[in-house]
Amino acid sequence: MSEDANRRSMTRRTRDFTVLLGTTGTVLLLLVATSALGPVEAISALGVIASVGVAYFVGSAARVPQGISDTRAEPAAAPQAEAGPGLLAALALPALEIGPGQKIMAFNRAAEDLFQLANLPFARASAVIRSPVLLAAIDQALERPAAGPVSAEIETGPDETWRAHVSRIPDGRHVLVLMEDLTPVKRAARARADFLANASHELRTPLTAISGFIETMRGPARDDAAAWPRFLDIMAGESDRMSRLIADLLSLSRIESSEHVLPRGRENLAEIVSACLAVLEPIAGEQGAALKVAGASTGLPEMTAHRDELIQVVENLVSNAVKYSKSGSTITLSFGAAPSLAEARLAASQQWDVSQRMTLLQALARSQGAEPAVWLRVEDQGPGIEREHLPRLGERFYRADQSRGGKITGTGLGLAIVKHIMAHHRGGLAVETLMGQGSAFGVWMPTGRE
């Protein structure tokens, strides 16, 4: 209680004490004057009444503790419940607190980065929010407290989508705007739709060819026995192409499903390259290309890896090099060890002085310090890859045929499989190319612990 309140209370008690004694004394004096009461009895009664009055005066004079208000005082107005900057700072999502007139009262760091609020404190929402739908939802929440939460999707940039949740703060006059990033969800949905469309197209092409030749052999070419072997060869090729596509799709699905589980086997890169060469040399020979290995067969550290997946990496990279190499060219396989992932990346993807380079997948280190690594590089002598195609290498079904010597048969999933396998091994993938001279794909990965 304040000093003014104490003084007011003292005044009230003094007045009450005075009125009590004055009234009692007057009544006793009248009784004595009318002989209704003797003087001794009147004096005794006045003493008793005075004692009671003094006890009341002294007992009610105790100070009321600070913070407890007098019951006769006017009740204080209930404070408005608002979120405040402290609560917003604890939220991981961008959040804004907006008051009457669309004035931004508080925001957290995530909202500051999203809406560029560093130089616009206490600005109006319409100065930083360009979505009419979101501004209308904020106005609705400010004007109608009984209205429930409202959600609105807004575009904040190219290929960037957010969902805003707008709700009135209970017992308050402010509105809370919480932003949810939908970009990864939208991209995943779009990638899934693109994948289904591309897979359907790639499967439909050989099926259409096979069904077309079947109709031809049943109809116009029924009696043309000389044309049947050519038709059957084409149908067999399309059937093989469809089989490879289905196998690659199943392989990609299997790798993606286990990508979060680290490999546990201990393998040697030199042994894996040697096993692959036995299979790949006849294939390269059919194309008139030669395979050259530049790497130590002994002394390489073992690595934590999945053997079949790394064999698939080597086979896919060498197969691509064979496809895009001319007859008489040489395909070089280089591999080795490095004391760190950074040095392994240099050895795998930065060997030519003047070249176009692109890192398609960055390796993830398991520790803060230097981590031993192994690397593999596959160089061809093909036409090279134009720069505009480099960022899309590794996408499913993408083939830069025009930049690498015309139409090349394949499923377009080889590099996508390599990329996912290297992500499974926490490794990296990069490309280096020189127009008219060739291209090189390099992979690297940490050796891991025993």
Protein backbone atom coordinates (compact mmCIF):
# COMPACT_ATOMS: atom_id res chain seq x y z
CA MET A 1 0.00 0.00 0.00
CA SER A 2 1.29 3.55 -0.78
CA GLU A 3 1.89 6.38 1.76
CA ASP A 4 -1.23 8.21 0.56
CA ALA A 5 -3.32 5.14 1.24
CA ASN A 6 -1.81 4.85 4.75
CA ARG A 7 -2.70 8.47 5.52
CA ARG A 8 -6.25 8.00 4.28
CA SER A 9 -6.65 4.91 6.45
CA MET A 10 -5.32 6.76 9.55
CA THR A 11 -7.77 9.60 8.99
CA ARG A 12 -10.70 7.19 8.75
CA ARG A 13 -9.71 5.40 11.98
CA THR A 14 -9.30 8.70 13.91
CA ARG A 15 -12.70 9.87 12.74
CA ASP A 16 -14.37 6.62 13.77
CA PHE A 17 -12.69 6.72 17.21
CA THR A 18 -13.80 10.32 17.78
CA VAL A 19 -17.38 9.65 16.73
CA LEU A 20 -17.58 6.59 19.02
CA LEU A 21 -16.35 8.40 22.13
CA GLY A 22 -18.40 11.54 21.44
CA THR A 23 -21.65 9.64 20.88
CA THR A 24 -21.13 7.42 23.92
CA GLY A 25 -20.21 10.35 26.19
CA THR A 26 -23.30 12.33 25.09
CA VAL A 27 -25.62 9.41 25.77
CA LEU A 28 -24.14 8.80 29.26
CA LEU A 29 -24.32 12.55 30.08
CA LEU A 30 -28.03 12.61 29.23
CA LEU A 31 -28.65 9.54 31.38
CA VAL A 32 -26.88 11.13 34.35
CA ALA A 33 -28.81 14.44 33.84
CA THR A 34 -32.14 12.62 33.92
CA SER A 35 -31.06 10.60 36.98
CA ALA A 36 -31.51 7.43 34.95
CA LEU A 37 -27.87 6.51 35.66
CA GLY A 38 -25.59 7.32 38.53
CA PRO A 39 -22.33 9.25 38.04
CA VAL A 40 -20.17 6.28 39.12
CA GLU A 41 -21.90 3.90 36.70
CA ALA A 42 -21.66 6.47 33.88
CA ILE A 43 -17.92 6.96 34.43
CA SER A 44 -17.38 3.16 34.48
CA ALA A 45 -19.35 2.69 31.27
CA LEU A 46 -17.43 5.51 29.58
CA GLY A 47 -14.12 3.82 30.60
CA VAL A 48 -15.21 0.49 29.13
CA ILE A 49 -16.33 2.11 25.88
CA ALA A 50 -13.05 4.07 25.69
CA SER A 51 -11.02 0.87 26.21
CA VAL A 52 -12.88 -0.85 23.38
CA GLY A 53 -12.33 2.16 21.14
CA VAL A 54 -8.60 2.30 21.89
CA ALA A 55 -8.27 -1.43 21.16
CA TYR A 56 -10.00 -0.93 17.80
CA PHE A 57 -7.83 2.09 16.99
CA VAL A 58 -4.56 0.35 17.82
CA GLY A 59 -5.49 -2.97 16.18
CA SER A 60 -6.53 -1.39 12.91
CA ALA A 61 -3.39 0.74 12.73
CA ALA A 62 -1.15 -2.12 11.46
CA ARG A 63 0.29 -1.45 7.97
CA VAL A 64 -1.06 -3.51 5.15
CA PRO A 65 1.82 -5.40 3.36
CA GLN A 66 3.07 -4.03 0.02
CA GLY A 67 1.19 -5.44 -2.95
CA ILE A 68 -2.12 -6.15 -1.10
CA SER A 69 -4.70 -3.59 -2.11
CA ASP A 70 -7.52 -2.23 0.01
CA THR A 71 -10.78 -4.01 -0.67
CA ARG A 72 -12.52 -0.67 -0.85
CA ALA A 73 -10.13 0.57 -3.56
CA GLU A 74 -11.12 0.42 -7.19
CA PRO A 75 -9.96 -2.82 -8.88
CA ALA A 76 -7.03 -2.43 -11.29
CA ALA A 77 -7.59 -3.07 -14.97
CA ALA A 78 -6.66 -6.60 -16.08
CA PRO A 79 -3.49 -6.57 -18.20
CA GLN A 80 -3.76 -7.46 -21.85
CA ALA A 81 -2.33 -10.92 -22.61
CA GLU A 82 0.22 -10.66 -25.44
CA ALA A 83 2.97 -12.96 -26.73
CA GLY A 84 5.98 -10.66 -26.37
CA PRO A 85 9.48 -10.99 -27.84
CA GLY A 86 10.62 -13.54 -25.26
CA LEU A 87 8.07 -16.13 -26.31
CA LEU A 88 8.62 -15.47 -30.02
CA ALA A 89 12.38 -15.91 -29.62
CA ALA A 90 11.77 -19.44 -28.31
CA LEU A 91 9.94 -20.45 -31.50
CA ALA A 92 11.95 -22.13 -34.23
CA LEU A 93 9.57 -20.95 -36.97
CA PRO A 94 9.32 -17.31 -38.12
CA ALA A 95 6.75 -15.54 -35.93
CA LEU A 96 5.29 -12.01 -35.83
CA GLU A 97 3.12 -10.32 -33.20
CA ILE A 98 0.89 -7.72 -34.85
CA GLY A 99 -1.19 -5.16 -32.96
CA PRO A 100 -4.02 -2.80 -33.92
CA GLY A 101 -3.47 -0.96 -37.15
CA GLN A 102 -1.34 -3.88 -38.43
CA LYS A 103 1.62 -2.58 -36.43
CA ILE A 104 4.38 -5.18 -35.94
CA MET A 105 4.93 -5.25 -32.17
CA ALA A 106 7.49 -8.10 -31.91
CA PHE A 107 9.24 -10.69 -34.07
CA ASN A 108 11.92 -13.36 -33.73
CA ARG A 109 15.18 -13.81 -35.60
CA ALA A 110 13.71 -16.20 -38.16
CA ALA A 111 11.00 -13.66 -39.07
CA GLU A 112 13.61 -10.91 -39.23
CA ASP A 113 15.56 -12.89 -41.83
CA LEU A 114 12.45 -13.85 -43.79
CA PHE A 115 10.85 -10.40 -43.99
CA GLN A 116 14.06 -8.29 -43.78
CA LEU A 117 12.93 -6.52 -40.60
CA ALA A 118 16.37 -5.45 -39.34
CA ASN A 119 15.84 -1.83 -40.41
CA LEU A 120 12.06 -1.73 -40.04
CA PRO A 121 11.20 -2.09 -36.33
CA PHE A 122 7.53 -1.49 -35.49
CA ALA A 123 6.59 -1.10 -39.14
CA ARG A 124 3.17 -1.91 -40.51
CA ALA A 125 2.59 -5.44 -41.77
CA SER A 126 1.64 -4.12 -45.20
CA ALA A 127 5.15 -2.63 -45.53
CA VAL A 128 6.84 -6.05 -45.44
CA ILE A 129 4.09 -8.53 -46.41
CA ARG A 130 3.14 -8.47 -50.09
CA SER A 131 0.39 -11.09 -49.95
CA PRO A 132 -3.15 -9.62 -50.03
CA VAL A 133 -4.51 -12.93 -48.74
CA LEU A 134 -2.31 -12.84 -45.62
CA LEU A 135 -3.02 -9.15 -44.96
CA ALA A 136 -6.75 -9.83 -45.22
CA ALA A 137 -6.41 -12.72 -42.75
CA ILE A 138 -4.56 -10.42 -40.30
CA ASP A 139 -7.28 -7.76 -40.58
CA GLN A 140 -9.96 -10.39 -40.01
CA ALA A 141 -8.23 -11.68 -36.86
CA LEU A 142 -7.78 -8.13 -35.51
CA GLU A 143 -11.39 -7.11 -36.11
CA ARG A 144 -13.17 -10.31 -35.08
CA PRO A 145 -11.73 -11.88 -31.91
CA ALA A 146 -14.18 -14.80 -32.03
CA ALA A 147 -12.93 -15.93 -35.43
CA GLY A 148 -10.78 -19.06 -35.33
CA PRO A 149 -7.25 -19.49 -36.72
CA VAL A 150 -6.80 -18.80 -40.43
CA SER A 151 -4.18 -20.32 -42.76
CA ALA A 152 -2.95 -18.88 -46.04
CA GLU A 153 -0.29 -20.01 -48.53
CA ILE A 154 1.97 -17.30 -49.93
CA GLU A 155 4.80 -17.15 -52.46
CA THR A 156 7.84 -15.34 -51.04
CA GLY A 157 10.19 -15.96 -53.95
CA PRO A 158 10.83 -18.13 -56.98
CA ASP A 159 10.13 -21.75 -56.08
CA GLU A 160 9.52 -20.78 -52.43
CA THR A 161 6.18 -21.34 -50.67
CA TRP A 162 5.15 -20.61 -47.08
CA ARG A 163 1.97 -21.25 -45.11
CA ALA A 164 0.98 -18.52 -42.65
CA HIS A 165 -1.06 -19.43 -39.56
CA VAL A 166 -2.91 -16.36 -38.21
CA SER A 167 -4.67 -16.47 -34.82
CA ARG A 168 -5.86 -13.97 -32.21
CA ILE A 169 -3.97 -14.14 -28.91
CA PRO A 170 -6.48 -15.13 -26.16
CA ASP A 171 -7.58 -12.24 -23.90
CA GLY A 172 -5.52 -9.81 -25.96
CA ARG A 173 -5.78 -7.37 -28.83
CA HIS A 174 -2.81 -8.68 -30.83
CA VAL A 175 -2.49 -11.30 -33.54
CA LEU A 176 0.17 -14.02 -33.82
CA VAL A 177 1.41 -14.89 -37.32
CA LEU A 178 3.40 -18.14 -37.53
CA MET A 179 5.15 -19.01 -40.82
CA GLU A 180 5.67 -22.62 -41.97
CA ASP A 181 8.04 -23.39 -44.84
CA LEU A 182 6.30 -25.59 -47.41
CA THR A 183 9.11 -25.39 -49.97
CA PRO A 184 10.63 -28.84 -49.21
CA VAL A 185 7.18 -30.44 -49.27
CA LYS A 186 6.28 -28.76 -52.55
CA ARG A 187 9.61 -29.72 -54.10
CA ALA A 188 9.22 -33.33 -52.98
CA ALA A 189 5.70 -33.48 -54.39
CA ARG A 190 6.87 -31.94 -57.66
CA ALA A 191 9.86 -34.31 -57.84
CA ARG A 192 7.57 -37.27 -57.20
CA ALA A 193 5.18 -36.14 -59.91
CA ASP A 194 8.07 -35.57 -62.33
CA PHE A 195 9.52 -38.96 -61.48
CA LEU A 196 6.21 -40.74 -62.14
CA ALA A 197 5.73 -38.83 -65.39
CA ASN A 198 9.27 -39.57 -66.59
CA ALA A 199 9.12 -43.22 -65.53
CA SER A 200 5.79 -43.64 -67.32
CA HIS A 201 7.19 -42.01 -70.45
CA GLU A 202 10.37 -44.10 -70.43
CA LEU A 203 8.39 -47.31 -69.98
CA ARG A 204 5.74 -46.34 -72.53
CA THR A 205 8.30 -45.81 -75.31
CA PRO A 206 9.60 -49.41 -75.51
CA LEU A 207 6.13 -50.79 -74.87
CA THR A 208 4.75 -48.76 -77.77
CA ALA A 209 7.52 -49.99 -80.05
CA ILE A 210 6.99 -53.62 -79.07
CA SER A 211 3.20 -53.46 -79.45
CA GLY A 212 3.59 -51.66 -82.80
CA PHE A 213 5.83 -54.35 -84.25
CA ILE A 214 3.53 -57.06 -82.91
CA GLU A 215 0.61 -55.46 -84.76
CA THR A 216 2.76 -55.18 -87.90
CA MET A 217 3.77 -58.84 -87.72
CA ARG A 218 0.16 -59.86 -87.19
CA GLY A 219 -1.12 -57.68 -90.01
CA PRO A 220 0.74 -56.31 -93.04
CA ALA A 221 3.95 -58.28 -92.43
CA ARG A 222 2.25 -61.58 -91.62
CA ASP A 223 3.53 -63.18 -94.79
CA ASP A 224 6.80 -61.21 -94.99
CA ALA A 225 9.06 -63.76 -93.33
CA ALA A 226 12.20 -61.92 -94.45
CA ALA A 227 11.30 -58.87 -92.32
CA TRP A 228 10.58 -60.84 -89.15
CA PRO A 229 14.21 -61.17 -87.93
CA ARG A 230 14.69 -57.38 -88.12
CA PHE A 231 11.43 -56.80 -86.25
CA LEU A 232 12.37 -59.36 -83.60
CA ASP A 233 15.79 -57.74 -83.10
CA ILE A 234 14.17 -54.35 -82.52
CA MET A 235 11.64 -55.86 -80.13
CA ALA A 236 14.41 -57.63 -78.23
CA GLY A 237 16.36 -54.36 -77.91
CA GLU A 238 13.32 -52.50 -76.61
CA SER A 239 12.60 -55.33 -74.19
CA ASP A 240 16.17 -55.19 -72.88
CA ARG A 241 15.90 -51.43 -72.50
CA MET A 242 12.70 -51.79 -70.47
CA SER A 243 14.31 -54.47 -68.31
CA ARG A 244 17.29 -52.21 -67.60
CA LEU A 245 14.97 -49.34 -66.71
CA ILE A 246 13.00 -51.48 -64.27
CA ALA A 247 16.22 -52.81 -62.74
CA ASP A 248 17.58 -49.28 -62.30
CA LEU A 249 14.33 -48.08 -60.75
CA LEU A 250 14.34 -50.95 -58.27
CA SER A 251 18.00 -50.34 -57.49
CA LEU A 252 17.41 -46.63 -56.93
CA SER A 253 14.42 -47.35 -54.67
CA ARG A 254 16.45 -49.82 -52.61
CA ILE A 255 19.34 -47.39 -52.18
CA GLU A 256 17.01 -44.54 -51.15
CA SER A 257 15.22 -46.70 -48.60
CA SER A 258 18.50 -47.56 -46.83
CA GLU A 259 20.29 -44.23 -47.34
CA HIS A 260 19.96 -43.27 -43.66
CA VAL A 261 21.72 -46.46 -42.47
CA LEU A 262 25.50 -46.28 -42.63
CA PRO A 263 27.35 -49.22 -44.26
CA ARG A 264 29.17 -51.58 -41.90
CA GLY A 265 31.38 -53.76 -44.13
CA ARG A 266 35.14 -53.22 -44.53
CA GLU A 267 36.21 -53.15 -48.18
CA ASN A 268 39.30 -52.33 -50.25
CA LEU A 269 38.89 -49.97 -53.21
CA ALA A 270 41.66 -51.60 -55.25
CA GLU A 271 39.93 -55.00 -55.01
CA ILE A 272 36.60 -53.49 -56.07
CA VAL A 273 38.18 -51.80 -59.13
CA SER A 274 39.93 -55.04 -60.07
CA ALA A 275 36.67 -57.01 -59.86
CA CYS A 276 34.90 -54.44 -62.04
CA LEU A 277 37.60 -54.46 -64.72
CA ALA A 278 37.06 -58.16 -65.37
CA VAL A 279 33.46 -57.36 -66.35
CA LEU A 280 33.99 -54.02 -68.06
CA GLU A 281 36.98 -54.74 -70.32
CA PRO A 282 35.00 -56.92 -72.77
CA ILE A 283 32.27 -54.24 -72.96
CA ALA A 284 34.83 -51.52 -73.65
CA GLY A 285 36.51 -53.74 -76.25
CA GLU A 286 33.23 -54.07 -78.16
CA GLN A 287 33.13 -50.27 -78.44
CA GLY A 288 36.76 -50.07 -79.53
CA ALA A 289 37.85 -48.38 -76.27
CA ALA A 290 40.65 -49.36 -73.93
CA LEU A 291 40.64 -49.26 -70.11
CA LYS A 292 43.71 -47.94 -68.31
CA VAL A 293 44.18 -48.17 -64.54
CA ALA A 294 46.36 -45.70 -62.64
CA GLY A 295 46.42 -46.63 -58.99
CA ALA A 296 48.31 -48.66 -56.45
CA SER A 297 46.93 -52.18 -56.05
CA THR A 298 48.33 -52.41 -52.52
CA GLY A 299 48.68 -50.06 -49.58
CA LEU A 300 45.18 -48.56 -49.72
CA PRO A 301 43.35 -48.38 -46.38
CA GLU A 302 40.18 -50.34 -45.96
CA MET A 303 36.96 -48.34 -45.88
CA THR A 304 33.55 -48.79 -44.34
CA ALA A 305 31.41 -49.47 -47.40
CA HIS A 306 28.78 -51.62 -49.05
CA ARG A 307 30.63 -53.73 -51.63
CA ASP A 308 27.80 -54.22 -54.15
CA GLU A 309 26.95 -50.52 -54.14
CA LEU A 310 30.54 -49.43 -54.81
CA ILE A 311 30.81 -51.98 -57.61
CA GLN A 312 27.69 -50.36 -59.06
CA VAL A 313 29.36 -46.93 -58.82
CA VAL A 314 32.43 -48.07 -60.75
CA GLU A 315 30.37 -49.91 -63.37
CA ASN A 316 28.03 -46.95 -63.96
CA LEU A 317 30.85 -44.41 -64.30
CA VAL A 318 32.90 -46.62 -66.64
CA SER A 319 29.81 -47.60 -68.68
CA ASN A 320 28.98 -43.92 -69.21
CA ALA A 321 32.56 -43.22 -70.25
CA VAL A 322 32.43 -46.10 -72.75
CA LYS A 323 29.14 -44.83 -74.23
CA TYR A 324 30.48 -41.35 -74.87
CA SER A 325 33.96 -42.32 -76.07
CA LYS A 326 34.91 -42.81 -79.71
CA SER A 327 36.52 -45.94 -81.06
CA GLY A 328 40.23 -46.01 -80.33
CA SER A 329 40.00 -43.78 -77.24
CA THR A 330 41.29 -44.60 -73.77
CA ILE A 331 39.31 -44.53 -70.53
CA THR A 332 41.48 -43.97 -67.45
CA LEU A 333 40.58 -45.12 -63.94
CA SER A 334 42.57 -43.40 -61.17
CA PHE A 335 42.17 -44.05 -57.47
CA GLY A 336 44.05 -43.58 -54.24
CA ALA A 337 44.00 -42.45 -50.62
CA ALA A 338 44.18 -38.96 -49.09
CA PRO A 339 44.63 -37.68 -45.53
CA SER A 340 41.42 -35.61 -45.71
CA LEU A 341 38.19 -35.28 -47.65
CA ALA A 342 39.32 -31.93 -49.08
CA GLU A 343 42.47 -33.45 -50.59
CA ALA A 344 40.50 -36.45 -51.86
CA ARG A 345 38.11 -34.06 -53.61
CA LEU A 346 41.01 -32.27 -55.32
CA ALA A 347 42.48 -35.54 -56.54
CA ALA A 348 39.13 -36.82 -57.83
CA SER A 349 37.75 -33.74 -59.55
CA GLN A 350 40.38 -31.04 -60.12
CA GLN A 351 43.21 -32.42 -62.25
CA TRP A 352 42.92 -30.30 -65.40
CA ASP A 353 44.19 -26.74 -65.37
CA VAL A 354 41.56 -25.24 -67.69
CA SER A 355 38.20 -26.95 -67.29
CA GLN A 356 34.58 -26.52 -66.28
CA ARG A 357 33.88 -28.08 -62.87
CA MET A 358 30.79 -28.74 -60.78
CA THR A 359 30.39 -30.48 -57.42
CA LEU A 360 27.18 -32.51 -57.68
CA LEU A 361 27.32 -33.85 -54.10
CA GLN A 362 29.40 -32.56 -51.20
CA ALA A 363 30.87 -35.15 -48.83
CA LEU A 364 29.78 -34.98 -45.18
CA ALA A 365 32.58 -35.31 -42.63
CA ARG A 366 31.87 -37.44 -39.56
CA SER A 367 34.18 -35.39 -37.33
CA GLN A 368 35.61 -31.86 -37.08
CA GLY A 369 39.20 -32.88 -37.77
CA ALA A 370 40.88 -34.22 -40.89
CA GLU A 371 39.41 -37.56 -41.85
CA PRO A 372 41.24 -40.14 -44.02
CA ALA A 373 39.51 -40.69 -47.35
CA VAL A 374 39.72 -42.63 -50.62
CA TRP A 375 38.90 -41.36 -54.10
CA LEU A 376 38.18 -42.62 -57.62
CA ARG A 377 38.31 -40.74 -60.94
CA VAL A 378 37.08 -41.96 -64.36
CA GLU A 379 38.27 -39.96 -67.40
CA ASP A 380 37.00 -40.35 -70.96
CA GLN A 381 38.05 -38.81 -74.28
CA GLY A 382 34.57 -37.89 -75.42
CA PRO A 383 33.18 -34.59 -76.73
CA GLY A 384 32.80 -33.00 -73.28
CA ILE A 385 29.73 -31.55 -71.57
CA GLU A 386 28.44 -28.03 -72.08
CA ARG A 387 28.36 -25.91 -68.94
CA GLU A 388 24.60 -25.41 -68.86
CA HIS A 389 24.10 -29.16 -68.46
CA LEU A 390 26.42 -29.56 -65.46
CA PRO A 391 23.99 -28.54 -62.66
CA ARG A 392 21.41 -31.10 -63.83
CA LEU A 393 23.73 -34.06 -64.00
CA GLY A 394 22.60 -36.60 -61.43
CA GLU A 395 18.90 -35.86 -61.94
CA ARG A 396 16.75 -38.85 -62.74
CA PHE A 397 16.23 -39.49 -66.45
CA TYR A 398 18.34 -36.47 -67.43
CA ARG A 399 20.74 -37.07 -70.32
CA ALA A 400 22.85 -34.34 -71.90
CA ASP A 401 22.94 -36.18 -75.22
CA GLN A 402 23.26 -33.15 -77.46
CA SER A 403 26.41 -31.98 -75.68
CA ARG A 404 28.02 -35.40 -75.66
CA GLY A 405 27.78 -36.56 -79.25
CA GLY A 406 24.16 -37.15 -80.11
CA LYS A 407 21.55 -39.66 -78.95
CA ILE A 408 22.94 -42.26 -76.53
CA THR A 409 20.90 -45.22 -75.35
CA GLY A 410 20.40 -45.55 -71.63
CA THR A 411 17.91 -45.12 -68.82
CA GLY A 412 19.19 -41.75 -67.56
CA LEU A 413 19.43 -43.16 -64.04
CA GLY A 414 23.12 -44.11 -63.89
CA LEU A 415 24.43 -40.88 -62.35
CA ALA A 416 21.37 -40.60 -60.10
CA ILE A 417 22.22 -44.03 -58.68
CA VAL A 418 25.87 -43.03 -58.23
CA LYS A 419 24.81 -39.85 -56.43
CA HIS A 420 22.52 -41.70 -54.01
CA ILE A 421 25.14 -44.37 -53.31
CA MET A 422 27.73 -41.74 -52.48
CA ALA A 423 25.21 -39.98 -50.22
CA HIS A 424 24.70 -43.34 -48.49
CA HIS A 425 28.47 -43.51 -47.89
CA ARG A 426 28.66 -39.81 -46.84
CA GLY A 427 30.83 -39.23 -49.89
CA GLY A 428 30.97 -36.71 -52.72
CA LEU A 429 30.52 -36.59 -56.50
CA ALA A 430 31.90 -34.04 -58.97
CA VAL A 431 32.37 -33.58 -62.72
CA GLU A 432 35.18 -31.93 -64.69
CA THR A 433 34.98 -31.38 -68.44
CA LEU A 434 36.83 -29.87 -71.41
CA MET A 435 34.83 -29.33 -74.59
CA GLY A 436 36.27 -31.44 -77.41
CA GLN A 437 38.72 -33.27 -75.13
CA GLY A 438 36.71 -35.27 -72.62
CA SER A 439 35.08 -35.44 -69.23
CA ALA A 440 35.94 -36.87 -65.84
CA PHE A 441 33.69 -37.94 -62.98
CA GLY A 442 35.19 -38.27 -59.51
CA VAL A 443 33.91 -39.71 -56.26
CA TRP A 444 35.44 -39.62 -52.78
CA MET A 445 34.40 -40.83 -49.34
CA PRO A 446 35.77 -41.16 -45.79
CA THR A 447 37.37 -44.46 -44.89
CA GLY A 448 35.46 -44.63 -41.61
CA ARG A 449 36.43 -46.34 -38.38
CA GLU A 450 37.24 -50.00 -37.87
